Amino acid sequence: MREDLRVGQPFPDLELPDHTGATRRLSELVADQPTVANFYRGWWCPKEQRFLRNLVDLQDEMEVAYTRIVSITVDPPEITAPLRAGLGARWTFLSDADRVVQRELDLEETADRVHRPFLPYTFVLDTDLTIGAVFNGYWYWGRPTNEELRLALRDLLRAGRPDWDAQAT
């Protein structure tokens, strides 16, 4: 992974096709909402299927809390669209089938020479794409739980909104 992809640094404003084939920019999808961006290996990985189902369980909360999810894979749109539908996910899936972003971010999992997937990283991004948290999911237990995502988003929102604690009094 590129060295600059760490907390407090800007995340690149990626431009990739979504699950429908339409080209989308990450900043457009974030749209001034804190966002969980997860890079996943592919539809074929049972770890990814489990993690994506966890995100589906969180999506109702994410929507009412004005936060978003974006998932990014090397699978082409014709694979991501049915995976998304089968999961019941309502968020955008992006496709890096040409592996341009994968090379740019140095996120190729080199242990799997067959699929050449993304390393499974999850980033919590602020409204301006600043990285608020990073989770390395190469080993399954390195992936964030829904509770860890809630806490990372709360910390990000609290830090960015000076009136956060004033409203609670």
C-alpha atoms as a PDB file:
ATOM      1  CA  MET A   1       0.000   0.000   0.000  1.00  0.00           C
ATOM      2  CA  ARG A   2       1.216   3.499  -0.766  1.00  0.00           C
ATOM      3  CA  GLU A   3       2.826   5.174   2.229  1.00  0.00           C
ATOM      4  CA  ASP A   4       0.661   8.298   1.994  1.00  0.00           C
ATOM      5  CA  LEU A   5      -2.580   6.352   2.524  1.00  0.00           C
ATOM      6  CA  ARG A   6      -2.693   6.987   6.254  1.00  0.00           C
ATOM      7  CA  VAL A   7      -4.842   8.847   8.766  1.00  0.00           C
ATOM      8  CA  GLY A   8      -4.893  12.593   8.203  1.00  0.00           C
ATOM      9  CA  GLN A   9      -3.823  12.388   4.554  1.00  0.00           C
ATOM     10  CA  PRO A  10      -6.041  13.003   1.509  1.00  0.00           C
ATOM     11  CA  PHE A  11      -7.365   9.955  -0.303  1.00  0.00           C
ATOM     12  CA  PRO A  12      -7.160  10.107  -4.120  1.00  0.00           C
ATOM     13  CA  ASP A  13     -10.328  11.120  -5.925  1.00  0.00           C
ATOM     14  CA  LEU A  14     -10.695   7.901  -7.913  1.00  0.00           C
ATOM     15  CA  GLU A  15     -12.665   7.725 -11.147  1.00  0.00           C
ATOM     16  CA  LEU A  16     -14.014   4.274 -12.038  1.00  0.00           C
ATOM     17  CA  PRO A  17     -17.070   2.632 -13.590  1.00  0.00           C
ATOM     18  CA  ASP A  18     -19.803   1.689 -11.144  1.00  0.00           C
ATOM     19  CA  HIS A  19     -21.897  -1.481 -11.087  1.00  0.00           C
ATOM     20  CA  THR A  20     -23.992  -0.121 -13.997  1.00  0.00           C
ATOM     21  CA  GLY A  21     -20.934   0.768 -16.078  1.00  0.00           C
ATOM     22  CA  ALA A  22     -21.303   4.539 -15.572  1.00  0.00           C
ATOM     23  CA  THR A  23     -18.064   6.364 -14.742  1.00  0.00           C
ATOM     24  CA  ARG A  24     -18.138   7.890 -11.248  1.00  0.00           C
ATOM     25  CA  ARG A  25     -15.736   9.985  -9.160  1.00  0.00           C
ATOM     26  CA  LEU A  26     -15.254   9.136  -5.506  1.00  0.00           C
ATOM     27  CA  SER A  27     -15.851  12.777  -4.506  1.00  0.00           C
ATOM     28  CA  GLU A  28     -19.220  12.625  -6.310  1.00  0.00           C
ATOM     29  CA  LEU A  29     -20.193   9.500  -4.359  1.00  0.00           C
ATOM     30  CA  VAL A  30     -18.990  10.918  -1.039  1.00  0.00           C
ATOM     31  CA  ALA A  31     -20.995  14.098  -1.752  1.00  0.00           C
ATOM     32  CA  ASP A  32     -19.996  15.816   1.497  1.00  0.00           C
ATOM     33  CA  GLN A  33     -20.893  12.776   3.612  1.00  0.00           C
ATOM     34  CA  PRO A  34     -18.413  10.738   5.682  1.00  0.00           C
ATOM     35  CA  THR A  35     -17.844   7.486   3.801  1.00  0.00           C
ATOM     36  CA  VAL A  36     -16.626   3.946   4.366  1.00  0.00           C
ATOM     37  CA  ALA A  37     -14.624   2.921   1.289  1.00  0.00           C
ATOM     38  CA  ASN A  38     -13.739  -0.739   1.198  1.00  0.00           C
ATOM     39  CA  PHE A  39     -11.517  -2.484  -1.292  1.00  0.00           C
ATOM     40  CA  TYR A  40     -12.441  -6.133  -1.585  1.00  0.00           C
ATOM     41  CA  ARG A  41     -10.923  -9.167  -3.262  1.00  0.00           C
ATOM     42  CA  GLY A  42     -13.859 -10.276  -5.342  1.00  0.00           C
ATOM     43  CA  TRP A  43     -17.228 -11.999  -5.413  1.00  0.00           C
ATOM     44  CA  TRP A  44     -15.570 -15.439  -5.150  1.00  0.00           C
ATOM     45  CA  CYS A  45     -14.018 -14.863  -1.689  1.00  0.00           C
ATOM     46  CA  PRO A  46     -16.088 -16.120   1.281  1.00  0.00           C
ATOM     47  CA  LYS A  47     -14.369 -13.594   3.586  1.00  0.00           C
ATOM     48  CA  GLU A  48     -15.531 -10.782   1.334  1.00  0.00           C
ATOM     49  CA  GLN A  49     -19.059 -12.139   1.125  1.00  0.00           C
ATOM     50  CA  ARG A  50     -19.224 -12.221   4.942  1.00  0.00           C
ATOM     51  CA  PHE A  51     -17.791  -8.711   5.290  1.00  0.00           C
ATOM     52  CA  LEU A  52     -20.132  -7.291   2.654  1.00  0.00           C
ATOM     53  CA  ARG A  53     -23.099  -8.886   4.454  1.00  0.00           C
ATOM     54  CA  ASN A  54     -21.930  -7.088   7.609  1.00  0.00           C
ATOM     55  CA  LEU A  55     -22.004  -3.820   5.686  1.00  0.00           C
ATOM     56  CA  VAL A  56     -25.522  -4.622   4.453  1.00  0.00           C
ATOM     57  CA  ASP A  57     -26.535  -4.981   8.112  1.00  0.00           C
ATOM     58  CA  LEU A  58     -25.109  -1.488   8.716  1.00  0.00           C
ATOM     59  CA  GLN A  59     -26.515   0.274   5.644  1.00  0.00           C
ATOM     60  CA  ASP A  60     -29.798   1.435   7.255  1.00  0.00           C
ATOM     61  CA  GLU A  61     -27.836   3.171  10.030  1.00  0.00           C
ATOM     62  CA  MET A  62     -25.403   4.637   7.521  1.00  0.00           C
ATOM     63  CA  GLU A  63     -28.245   6.146   5.512  1.00  0.00           C
ATOM     64  CA  VAL A  64     -30.054   7.780   8.448  1.00  0.00           C
ATOM     65  CA  ALA A  65     -26.715   9.061   9.815  1.00  0.00           C
ATOM     66  CA  TYR A  66     -25.902  10.802   6.504  1.00  0.00           C
ATOM     67  CA  THR A  67     -22.911   8.574   5.861  1.00  0.00           C
ATOM     68  CA  ARG A  68     -22.094   6.421   2.862  1.00  0.00           C
ATOM     69  CA  ILE A  69     -20.460   3.205   1.740  1.00  0.00           C
ATOM     70  CA  VAL A  70     -18.503   2.618  -1.468  1.00  0.00           C
ATOM     71  CA  SER A  71     -17.047  -0.790  -2.364  1.00  0.00           C
ATOM     72  CA  ILE A  72     -14.220  -1.177  -4.890  1.00  0.00           C
ATOM     73  CA  THR A  73     -13.046  -4.365  -6.610  1.00  0.00           C
ATOM     74  CA  VAL A  74     -11.223  -5.631  -9.695  1.00  0.00           C
ATOM     75  CA  ASP A  75     -14.394  -7.495 -10.711  1.00  0.00           C
ATOM     76  CA  PRO A  76     -16.094  -5.997 -13.799  1.00  0.00           C
ATOM     77  CA  PRO A  77     -19.525  -4.324 -13.538  1.00  0.00           C
ATOM     78  CA  GLU A  78     -21.285  -7.412 -14.914  1.00  0.00           C
ATOM     79  CA  ILE A  79     -20.054  -9.277 -11.806  1.00  0.00           C
ATOM     80  CA  THR A  80     -20.490  -6.493  -9.232  1.00  0.00           C
ATOM     81  CA  ALA A  81     -24.083  -5.708 -10.254  1.00  0.00           C
ATOM     82  CA  PRO A  82     -25.481  -9.191  -9.487  1.00  0.00           C
ATOM     83  CA  LEU A  83     -23.355  -9.465  -6.320  1.00  0.00           C
ATOM     84  CA  ARG A  84     -24.730  -6.122  -5.126  1.00  0.00           C
ATOM     85  CA  ALA A  85     -28.302  -7.150  -5.954  1.00  0.00           C
ATOM     86  CA  GLY A  86     -27.939 -10.558  -4.331  1.00  0.00           C
ATOM     87  CA  LEU A  87     -26.618  -8.984  -1.134  1.00  0.00           C
ATOM     88  CA  GLY A  88     -29.385  -6.374  -1.039  1.00  0.00           C
ATOM     89  CA  ALA A  89     -26.761  -3.603  -0.977  1.00  0.00           C
ATOM     90  CA  ARG A  90     -27.971  -0.135  -1.906  1.00  0.00           C
ATOM     91  CA  TRP A  91     -24.580   1.565  -2.108  1.00  0.00           C
ATOM     92  CA  THR A  92     -22.293   1.987  -5.114  1.00  0.00           C
ATOM     93  CA  PHE A  93     -19.806  -0.661  -6.176  1.00  0.00           C
ATOM     94  CA  LEU A  94     -16.882   0.521  -8.312  1.00  0.00           C
ATOM     95  CA  SER A  95     -14.904  -1.623 -10.741  1.00  0.00           C
ATOM     96  CA  ASP A  96     -11.168  -1.423 -11.396  1.00  0.00           C
ATOM     97  CA  ALA A  97     -11.124  -4.309 -13.876  1.00  0.00           C
ATOM     98  CA  ASP A  98      -8.143  -2.747 -15.685  1.00  0.00           C
ATOM     99  CA  ARG A  99      -6.311  -2.546 -12.335  1.00  0.00           C
ATOM    100  CA  VAL A 100      -5.211   1.055 -12.892  1.00  0.00           C
ATOM    101  CA  VAL A 101      -6.191   2.192  -9.387  1.00  0.00           C
ATOM    102  CA  GLN A 102      -4.814  -1.018  -7.914  1.00  0.00           C
ATOM    103  CA  ARG A 103      -1.378  -0.183  -9.352  1.00  0.00           C
ATOM    104  CA  GLU A 104      -1.671   3.513  -8.480  1.00  0.00           C
ATOM    105  CA  LEU A 105      -2.443   2.756  -4.824  1.00  0.00           C
ATOM    106  CA  ASP A 106      -0.136  -0.282  -4.634  1.00  0.00           C
ATOM    107  CA  LEU A 107      -3.021  -2.415  -3.348  1.00  0.00           C
ATOM    108  CA  GLU A 108      -2.517  -5.672  -5.240  1.00  0.00           C
ATOM    109  CA  GLU A 109      -2.574  -8.802  -3.142  1.00  0.00           C
ATOM    110  CA  THR A 110       0.554 -10.495  -4.478  1.00  0.00           C
ATOM    111  CA  ALA A 111      -0.110 -13.836  -2.760  1.00  0.00           C
ATOM    112  CA  ASP A 112      -3.005 -14.604  -5.155  1.00  0.00           C
ATOM    113  CA  ARG A 113      -1.563 -14.742  -8.675  1.00  0.00           C
ATOM    114  CA  VAL A 114      -4.758 -16.245 -10.132  1.00  0.00           C
ATOM    115  CA  HIS A 115      -7.270 -13.502  -9.301  1.00  0.00           C
ATOM    116  CA  ARG A 116      -4.802 -10.650  -8.647  1.00  0.00           C
ATOM    117  CA  PRO A 117      -7.308  -9.024  -6.263  1.00  0.00           C
ATOM    118  CA  PHE A 118      -7.154  -5.883  -4.187  1.00  0.00           C
ATOM    119  CA  LEU A 119      -5.668  -6.124  -0.735  1.00  0.00           C
ATOM    120  CA  PRO A 120      -8.774  -5.855   1.440  1.00  0.00           C
ATOM    121  CA  TYR A 121      -8.389  -2.437   3.027  1.00  0.00           C
ATOM    122  CA  THR A 122     -11.188  -0.322   4.493  1.00  0.00           C
ATOM    123  CA  PHE A 123     -10.862   3.452   4.772  1.00  0.00           C
ATOM    124  CA  VAL A 124     -13.117   5.802   6.702  1.00  0.00           C
ATOM    125  CA  LEU A 125     -13.111   9.067   4.760  1.00  0.00           C
ATOM    126  CA  ASP A 126     -14.176  12.522   5.816  1.00  0.00           C
ATOM    127  CA  THR A 127     -16.335  14.714   3.590  1.00  0.00           C
ATOM    128  CA  ASP A 128     -13.233  16.108   1.825  1.00  0.00           C
ATOM    129  CA  LEU A 129     -11.702  12.612   1.334  1.00  0.00           C
ATOM    130  CA  THR A 130      -9.301  13.004   4.261  1.00  0.00           C
ATOM    131  CA  ILE A 131      -8.547   9.575   5.740  1.00  0.00           C
ATOM    132  CA  GLY A 132      -9.978   9.217   9.246  1.00  0.00           C
ATOM    133  CA  ALA A 133      -9.242   5.518   9.840  1.00  0.00           C
ATOM    134  CA  VAL A 134      -7.587   2.620   8.020  1.00  0.00           C
ATOM    135  CA  PHE A 135      -8.217  -1.097   8.522  1.00  0.00           C
ATOM    136  CA  ASN A 136      -6.073  -3.797   6.926  1.00  0.00           C
ATOM    137  CA  GLY A 137      -8.257  -6.854   6.354  1.00  0.00           C
ATOM    138  CA  TYR A 138      -5.669  -9.201   4.865  1.00  0.00           C
ATOM    139  CA  TRP A 139      -6.338 -11.436   7.840  1.00  0.00           C
ATOM    140  CA  TYR A 140     -10.070 -11.541   8.453  1.00  0.00           C
ATOM    141  CA  TRP A 141      -9.827 -10.284  12.038  1.00  0.00           C
ATOM    142  CA  GLY A 142      -8.114  -7.134  10.758  1.00  0.00           C
ATOM    143  CA  ARG A 143     -11.334  -6.050   9.112  1.00  0.00           C
ATOM    144  CA  PRO A 144     -13.435  -3.549  11.009  1.00  0.00           C
ATOM    145  CA  THR A 145     -16.518  -4.741  12.798  1.00  0.00           C
ATOM    146  CA  ASN A 146     -19.655  -2.662  12.397  1.00  0.00           C
ATOM    147  CA  GLU A 147     -19.059  -1.320  15.890  1.00  0.00           C
ATOM    148  CA  GLU A 148     -15.517  -0.236  14.961  1.00  0.00           C
ATOM    149  CA  LEU A 149     -16.922   1.531  11.904  1.00  0.00           C
ATOM    150  CA  ARG A 150     -19.537   3.270  14.072  1.00  0.00           C
ATOM    151  CA  LEU A 151     -16.815   4.438  16.471  1.00  0.00           C
ATOM    152  CA  ALA A 152     -14.502   5.598  13.663  1.00  0.00           C
ATOM    153  CA  LEU A 153     -17.349   7.556  12.063  1.00  0.00           C
ATOM    154  CA  ARG A 154     -18.355   9.050  15.413  1.00  0.00           C
ATOM    155  CA  ASP A 155     -14.769  10.143  16.099  1.00  0.00           C
ATOM    156  CA  LEU A 156     -14.508  11.647  12.622  1.00  0.00           C
ATOM    157  CA  LEU A 157     -17.788  13.509  12.967  1.00  0.00           C
ATOM    158  CA  ARG A 158     -16.994  14.706  16.476  1.00  0.00           C
ATOM    159  CA  ALA A 159     -13.599  16.069  15.372  1.00  0.00           C
ATOM    160  CA  GLY A 160     -15.096  17.881  12.389  1.00  0.00           C
ATOM    161  CA  ARG A 161     -18.031  19.466  14.141  1.00  0.00           C
ATOM    162  CA  PRO A 162     -17.080  21.854  16.937  1.00  0.00           C
ATOM    163  CA  ASP A 163     -20.674  22.053  18.167  1.00  0.00           C
ATOM    164  CA  TRP A 164     -20.968  18.244  18.570  1.00  0.00           C
ATOM    165  CA  ASP A 165     -20.620  18.220  22.361  1.00  0.00           C
ATOM    166  CA  ALA A 166     -22.432  21.518  22.811  1.00  0.00           C
ATOM    167  CA  GLN A 167     -25.608  19.976  21.389  1.00  0.00           C
ATOM    168  CA  ALA A 168     -25.527  17.208  23.993  1.00  0.00           C
ATOM    169  CA  THR A 169     -25.800  19.563  26.956  1.00  0.00           C
END
